Amino acid sequence: MVQIGYTMMTEQAGPRELVGHLVRAEEVGFDFSVTSDHYFPWLRSQGHAPYAWSVLGAAAQATSRIPLMTYVTCPTFRYHPAVVAQKAATLQLLSEGRFRLGLGSGENLNEHVVGGGWPSVDVRHEMLREAVEIIRALFEGGHVNHRGAHFDVESARLWDLPDSAPPIGIAVSGERSCALAGEHADLVIATEPKPGLLEAFDRHGGTGKPRVGQLPVSYDPDRDTAIKRAHAQFRWFGSGWKVNAELPHPDSFEAATQFVTPDDVAESIPCGDDPDAFVAAVRPYAEAGFTEVALVQIGGETQPAFLDWSEKTLLPALREALGRS
């Protein structure tokens, strides 16, 4: 019973296009959606990075059914957690309860722009924990004062609160982040189908909570074209988050991935138009225990064709394979 989601990837399309793609994704029957929150694209070839929260506000008005989610927002550098709480509460109201707030410890790629430096991962986890505590306190209503190791909040209050606060998800990649998510999140987020991540999440209090994965795909009727596009725009994906979180600029990712070949990419990303290959790529997430998997179609200009194919071919194949009607 795995739900299949659609990714508005802000690194590969402009704001109006992203909203239009999501409207179509709702029409074709995707179960939910997620949205990246970047200041820079991973590679120059992707070419975009609009402000995700404006896109989400427009998407909330342009759609009526499909759930929305940040995947993920860093609430510790570019954004103060008190401001993230306000944005999330407002979006929950605009979407009439369809929003979930996905949070993570961030990437240097996006957070360096405010000039605050890039501390060690231990410090970033401390900051994320404190930020989540502030956000939850503001979701509860009333005035919040906070003097912490990393953040201060001075008599803050959210004046427009939804009836139900947005559920909070936390992205994980190892034991420490799984502990943080298990203790403080309503759901867990991961981009690799590793059972060990979910087991660690459960050990720290995550049992029974939703778990949301993400998978890049490259649909095209011509498989060679699909592989070429995936290599041009997504070869950074296989570096792992210990690398991806640290590099400060698209040119850094260009250099770090210069020896990645198209064949390397094709081994890890389903490419072409064979639905069985896409089902095979999603299946490890289902077997690991993920309850939701968001697909990322690579290439902004390819979204309309991918969405048409998803309606006719991919979604029926996935639902048949995963036991959903």
Protein backbone atom coordinates (compact mmCIF):
# COMPACT_ATOMS: atom_id res chain seq x y z
CA MET A 1 0.00 0.00 0.00
CA VAL A 2 2.69 2.48 -1.03
CA GLN A 3 1.49 5.90 -2.13
CA ILE A 4 3.17 7.39 -5.21
CA GLY A 5 4.05 11.08 -5.19
CA TYR A 6 5.19 13.75 -7.62
CA THR A 7 8.15 16.08 -7.04
CA MET A 8 8.10 19.77 -7.93
CA MET A 9 11.86 20.08 -8.31
CA THR A 10 12.59 23.79 -8.13
CA GLU A 11 16.10 23.30 -9.53
CA GLN A 12 14.83 22.37 -12.99
CA ALA A 13 11.82 24.57 -13.80
CA GLY A 14 10.54 28.10 -13.29
CA PRO A 15 7.77 28.97 -10.84
CA ARG A 16 4.84 29.13 -13.26
CA GLU A 17 5.88 25.90 -14.91
CA LEU A 18 6.20 24.14 -11.55
CA VAL A 19 2.65 25.07 -10.58
CA GLY A 20 1.31 23.99 -13.96
CA HIS A 21 3.08 20.65 -13.65
CA LEU A 22 1.56 20.06 -10.21
CA VAL A 23 -1.95 20.85 -11.46
CA ARG A 24 -1.47 18.16 -14.09
CA ALA A 25 0.02 15.75 -11.52
CA GLU A 26 -3.15 16.12 -9.47
CA GLU A 27 -5.27 15.46 -12.56
CA VAL A 28 -3.43 12.28 -13.51
CA GLY A 29 -3.79 10.82 -10.03
CA PHE A 30 -0.56 11.17 -8.05
CA ASP A 31 -1.28 10.58 -4.37
CA PHE A 32 0.80 13.43 -2.95
CA SER A 33 3.51 15.92 -3.86
CA VAL A 34 6.79 17.20 -2.46
CA THR A 35 8.78 20.34 -3.28
CA SER A 36 12.50 21.02 -2.99
CA ASP A 37 13.61 24.27 -1.33
CA HIS A 38 16.82 25.51 -2.96
CA TYR A 39 18.74 28.73 -3.50
CA PHE A 40 21.02 27.11 -6.10
CA PRO A 41 20.57 24.22 -8.54
CA TRP A 42 22.86 21.24 -8.03
CA LEU A 43 24.36 21.70 -11.49
CA ARG A 44 24.23 24.66 -13.88
CA SER A 45 22.55 22.41 -16.44
CA GLN A 46 19.42 22.32 -14.25
CA GLY A 47 19.17 26.08 -14.52
CA HIS A 48 16.56 27.16 -11.94
CA ALA A 49 15.96 27.93 -8.25
CA PRO A 50 12.77 29.96 -7.61
CA TYR A 51 11.58 30.60 -4.05
CA ALA A 52 9.84 27.40 -3.05
CA TRP A 53 7.39 28.98 -0.60
CA SER A 54 5.94 31.32 -3.21
CA VAL A 55 5.56 28.34 -5.54
CA LEU A 56 3.81 26.38 -2.78
CA GLY A 57 1.41 29.24 -2.06
CA ALA A 58 0.45 29.38 -5.72
CA ALA A 59 0.19 25.59 -5.88
CA ALA A 60 -2.12 25.54 -2.86
CA GLN A 61 -4.54 27.82 -4.72
CA ALA A 62 -4.24 26.07 -8.07
CA THR A 63 -4.97 22.57 -6.70
CA SER A 64 -7.67 21.14 -4.48
CA ARG A 65 -6.77 17.56 -3.54
CA ILE A 66 -3.10 16.72 -3.74
CA PRO A 67 -1.11 17.01 -0.49
CA LEU A 68 1.89 19.37 -0.41
CA MET A 69 5.19 19.02 1.43
CA THR A 70 8.62 20.64 1.62
CA TYR A 71 11.31 18.08 0.82
CA VAL A 72 13.12 19.59 2.60
CA THR A 73 13.44 23.02 4.21
CA CYS A 74 16.43 23.87 6.38
CA PRO A 75 15.10 25.97 9.31
CA THR A 76 18.48 27.04 10.69
CA PHE A 77 20.47 29.28 8.30
CA ARG A 78 18.60 31.03 5.47
CA TYR A 79 15.43 30.91 7.53
CA HIS A 80 14.98 31.50 11.24
CA PRO A 81 12.73 28.81 12.77
CA ALA A 82 10.20 31.40 13.92
CA VAL A 83 9.76 32.48 10.29
CA VAL A 84 9.51 28.86 9.11
CA ALA A 85 6.71 28.30 11.62
CA GLN A 86 4.82 31.31 10.25
CA LYS A 87 5.28 30.18 6.64
CA ALA A 88 4.16 26.64 7.42
CA ALA A 89 1.07 27.74 9.36
CA THR A 90 0.06 30.09 6.54
CA LEU A 91 0.50 27.38 3.91
CA GLN A 92 -1.55 24.94 5.97
CA LEU A 93 -4.36 27.50 5.93
CA LEU A 94 -4.03 28.22 2.21
CA SER A 95 -4.05 24.51 1.37
CA GLU A 96 -6.91 23.74 3.77
CA GLY A 97 -4.90 21.20 5.73
CA ARG A 98 -2.93 19.57 2.89
CA PHE A 99 0.58 20.67 3.96
CA ARG A 100 3.36 18.79 5.72
CA LEU A 101 6.56 20.53 6.83
CA GLY A 102 9.61 18.51 5.83
CA LEU A 103 12.79 19.68 7.57
CA GLY A 104 16.47 18.83 7.35
CA SER A 105 19.87 20.01 8.50
CA GLY A 106 20.55 21.60 5.12
CA GLU A 107 23.20 21.74 2.42
CA ASN A 108 26.05 24.21 2.16
CA LEU A 109 24.98 24.69 -1.47
CA ASN A 110 21.92 26.67 -0.35
CA GLU A 111 22.73 27.93 3.13
CA HIS A 112 26.12 29.56 2.44
CA VAL A 113 24.41 32.56 0.84
CA VAL A 114 23.72 34.24 4.20
CA GLY A 115 27.40 34.13 5.18
CA GLY A 116 27.01 32.27 8.45
CA GLY A 117 29.65 29.63 7.78
CA TRP A 118 29.04 25.90 7.63
CA PRO A 119 29.53 24.10 10.95
CA SER A 120 30.08 20.40 11.56
CA VAL A 121 27.21 17.96 11.19
CA ASP A 122 26.96 17.59 14.99
CA VAL A 123 26.30 21.31 15.34
CA ARG A 124 23.84 21.27 12.45
CA HIS A 125 21.86 18.53 14.19
CA GLU A 126 21.85 20.53 17.43
CA MET A 127 20.51 23.51 15.51
CA LEU A 128 17.81 21.43 13.83
CA ARG A 129 16.67 19.97 17.14
CA GLU A 130 16.38 23.44 18.67
CA ALA A 131 14.60 24.77 15.57
CA VAL A 132 11.98 22.00 15.71
CA GLU A 133 11.31 22.77 19.37
CA ILE A 134 10.73 26.45 18.51
CA ILE A 135 8.45 25.62 15.58
CA ARG A 136 6.34 23.23 17.64
CA ALA A 137 6.03 25.78 20.45
CA LEU A 138 4.76 28.39 18.00
CA PHE A 139 2.29 25.91 16.48
CA GLU A 140 0.76 25.55 19.94
CA GLY A 141 -0.24 29.25 20.02
CA GLY A 142 0.54 31.96 22.55
CA HIS A 143 3.72 33.98 22.86
CA VAL A 144 7.06 32.20 22.68
CA ASN A 145 10.28 33.40 24.27
CA HIS A 146 13.39 31.33 23.77
CA ARG A 147 17.05 31.69 24.71
CA GLY A 148 18.95 28.79 23.26
CA ALA A 149 22.41 27.72 22.23
CA HIS A 150 21.75 28.74 18.63
CA PHE A 151 18.53 30.77 18.42
CA ASP A 152 16.73 33.52 20.28
CA VAL A 153 13.01 34.18 20.00
CA GLU A 154 11.57 37.36 21.45
CA SER A 155 7.84 37.30 22.26
CA ALA A 156 6.84 35.64 18.97
CA ARG A 157 3.30 34.53 18.20
CA LEU A 158 1.52 33.13 15.16
CA TRP A 159 -1.65 35.13 14.67
CA ASP A 160 -3.08 32.90 11.95
CA LEU A 161 -3.03 29.28 13.06
CA PRO A 162 -4.71 26.33 11.31
CA ASP A 163 -6.98 24.03 13.28
CA SER A 164 -4.40 21.28 12.85
CA ALA A 165 -0.71 22.10 12.83
CA PRO A 166 1.28 20.82 9.83
CA PRO A 167 2.88 17.44 10.59
CA ILE A 168 6.66 17.73 10.78
CA GLY A 169 8.96 15.38 8.90
CA ILE A 170 12.71 15.14 9.40
CA ALA A 171 15.19 13.92 6.79
CA VAL A 172 17.60 11.19 7.87
CA SER A 173 20.83 9.69 6.57
CA GLY A 174 22.40 8.06 9.63
CA GLU A 175 21.95 7.04 13.27
CA ARG A 176 22.08 10.56 14.74
CA SER A 177 19.51 12.01 12.37
CA CYS A 178 17.30 8.93 12.86
CA ALA A 179 17.39 9.52 16.62
CA LEU A 180 16.42 13.15 16.10
CA ALA A 181 13.56 12.17 13.78
CA GLY A 182 12.31 9.38 16.02
CA GLU A 183 12.11 11.72 18.99
CA HIS A 184 10.81 14.88 17.31
CA ALA A 185 9.14 14.09 13.96
CA ASP A 186 5.68 12.98 12.91
CA LEU A 187 7.16 11.25 9.86
CA VAL A 188 10.58 10.38 8.47
CA ILE A 189 12.14 11.37 5.14
CA ALA A 190 14.92 9.54 3.28
CA THR A 191 16.26 9.39 -0.26
CA GLU A 192 17.71 5.88 -0.06
CA PRO A 193 15.77 2.61 0.47
CA LYS A 194 17.92 1.49 3.38
CA PRO A 195 15.97 -0.63 5.90
CA GLY A 196 18.52 0.31 8.56
CA LEU A 197 17.39 3.93 8.49
CA LEU A 198 13.80 2.98 9.23
CA GLU A 199 14.87 0.48 11.87
CA ALA A 200 16.87 3.21 13.62
CA PHE A 201 13.91 5.59 13.31
CA ASP A 202 11.69 2.99 14.98
CA ARG A 203 14.20 2.37 17.78
CA HIS A 204 14.03 6.04 18.70
CA GLY A 205 10.25 6.36 18.74
CA GLY A 206 9.21 6.31 15.08
CA THR A 207 7.19 3.10 15.08
CA GLY A 208 3.92 3.50 13.19
CA LYS A 209 4.76 6.89 11.71
CA PRO A 210 4.75 7.53 7.94
CA ARG A 211 8.02 7.20 6.05
CA VAL A 212 8.53 9.09 2.81
CA GLY A 213 11.17 8.23 0.21
CA GLN A 214 12.19 9.81 -3.07
CA LEU A 215 13.42 8.33 -6.34
CA PRO A 216 14.80 10.09 -9.45
CA VAL A 217 13.59 8.72 -12.78
CA SER A 218 14.22 9.69 -16.38
CA TYR A 219 11.32 8.90 -18.68
CA ASP A 220 11.79 9.23 -22.44
CA PRO A 221 10.63 7.08 -25.38
CA ASP A 222 14.30 7.00 -26.39
CA ARG A 223 16.34 5.40 -23.61
CA ASP A 224 19.64 6.90 -24.77
CA THR A 225 18.11 10.37 -24.59
CA ALA A 226 16.83 9.62 -21.09
CA ILE A 227 20.28 8.47 -19.96
CA LYS A 228 21.98 11.49 -21.49
CA ARG A 229 19.60 13.86 -19.72
CA ALA A 230 19.95 12.05 -16.39
CA HIS A 231 23.73 12.25 -16.67
CA ALA A 232 23.66 15.94 -17.59
CA GLN A 233 21.37 16.98 -14.72
CA PHE A 234 21.45 14.31 -12.01
CA ARG A 235 24.87 12.68 -11.86
CA TRP A 236 25.45 14.40 -8.49
CA PHE A 237 22.78 12.21 -6.87
CA GLY A 238 24.99 9.18 -6.30
CA SER A 239 27.59 11.05 -4.24
CA GLY A 240 25.73 10.51 -0.97
CA TRP A 241 24.67 13.11 1.57
CA LYS A 242 27.99 13.20 3.40
CA VAL A 243 29.33 14.78 0.21
CA ASN A 244 26.21 16.53 -1.07
CA ALA A 245 25.68 18.45 2.17
CA GLU A 246 29.18 19.91 2.15
CA LEU A 247 29.85 21.27 -1.35
CA PRO A 248 29.17 25.02 -1.67
CA HIS A 249 28.44 25.68 -5.35
CA PRO A 250 27.18 24.03 -8.57
CA ASP A 251 30.72 24.25 -9.92
CA SER A 252 31.84 22.14 -6.95
CA PHE A 253 29.36 19.44 -7.94
CA GLU A 254 30.53 19.74 -11.53
CA ALA A 255 34.09 19.02 -10.45
CA ALA A 256 33.14 16.29 -7.98
CA THR A 257 31.17 14.37 -10.63
CA GLN A 258 33.42 14.87 -13.65
CA PHE A 259 34.31 11.18 -13.81
CA VAL A 260 30.75 9.86 -13.42
CA THR A 261 29.73 8.22 -16.69
CA PRO A 262 26.31 7.88 -18.33
CA ASP A 263 26.50 4.13 -17.65
CA ASP A 264 27.05 4.85 -13.95
CA VAL A 265 23.91 6.97 -13.88
CA ALA A 266 21.86 4.41 -15.80
CA GLU A 267 22.71 1.77 -13.22
CA SER A 268 21.10 3.75 -10.39
CA ILE A 269 18.30 5.71 -12.15
CA PRO A 270 15.59 4.01 -14.24
CA CYS A 271 15.73 5.47 -17.75
CA GLY A 272 13.52 5.04 -20.81
CA ASP A 273 9.87 4.00 -21.08
CA ASP A 274 9.78 0.44 -19.74
CA PRO A 275 7.40 0.58 -16.75
CA ASP A 276 8.87 -2.64 -15.36
CA ALA A 277 12.21 -0.87 -14.84
CA PHE A 278 10.48 1.90 -12.89
CA VAL A 279 8.51 -0.62 -10.80
CA ALA A 280 11.75 -2.47 -10.05
CA ALA A 281 13.32 0.79 -8.83
CA VAL A 282 10.38 1.59 -6.53
CA ARG A 283 10.09 -1.93 -5.11
CA PRO A 284 13.11 -1.68 -2.73
CA TYR A 285 11.42 1.26 -1.00
CA ALA A 286 8.26 -0.78 -0.47
CA GLU A 287 10.27 -3.75 0.78
CA ALA A 288 12.24 -1.53 3.18
CA GLY A 289 8.98 -0.27 4.72
CA PHE A 290 8.43 3.11 3.10
CA THR A 291 4.77 4.11 3.00
CA GLU A 292 5.22 6.81 0.33
CA VAL A 293 7.63 7.30 -2.57
CA ALA A 294 7.89 10.59 -4.50
CA LEU A 295 9.19 10.33 -8.06
CA VAL A 296 11.45 13.01 -9.54
CA GLN A 297 11.20 13.16 -13.32
CA ILE A 298 14.52 14.58 -14.53
CA GLY A 299 14.29 17.54 -16.89
CA GLY A 300 11.87 20.44 -16.51
CA GLU A 301 10.84 20.42 -20.15
CA THR A 302 9.94 16.70 -20.00
CA GLN A 303 7.27 16.98 -17.31
CA PRO A 304 4.18 17.13 -19.59
CA ALA A 305 5.19 13.98 -21.47
CA PHE A 306 6.11 12.20 -18.23
CA LEU A 307 2.78 13.10 -16.66
CA ASP A 308 0.82 11.84 -19.66
CA TRP A 309 2.79 8.58 -19.59
CA SER A 310 2.29 8.30 -15.83
CA GLU A 311 -1.48 8.54 -16.22
CA LYS A 312 -1.70 5.92 -18.96
CA THR A 313 1.12 3.55 -18.06
CA LEU A 314 3.30 4.16 -15.01
CA LEU A 315 0.77 4.73 -12.22
CA PRO A 316 -1.38 1.73 -13.21
CA ALA A 317 1.75 -0.44 -13.36
CA LEU A 318 2.98 0.74 -9.96
CA ARG A 319 -0.38 0.23 -8.31
CA GLU A 320 -0.80 -3.23 -9.74
CA ALA A 321 2.70 -4.20 -8.60
CA LEU A 322 2.31 -2.68 -5.14
CA GLY A 323 -1.15 -4.05 -4.51
CA ARG A 324 -3.19 -0.86 -4.77
CA SER A 325 -6.37 -0.39 -6.82
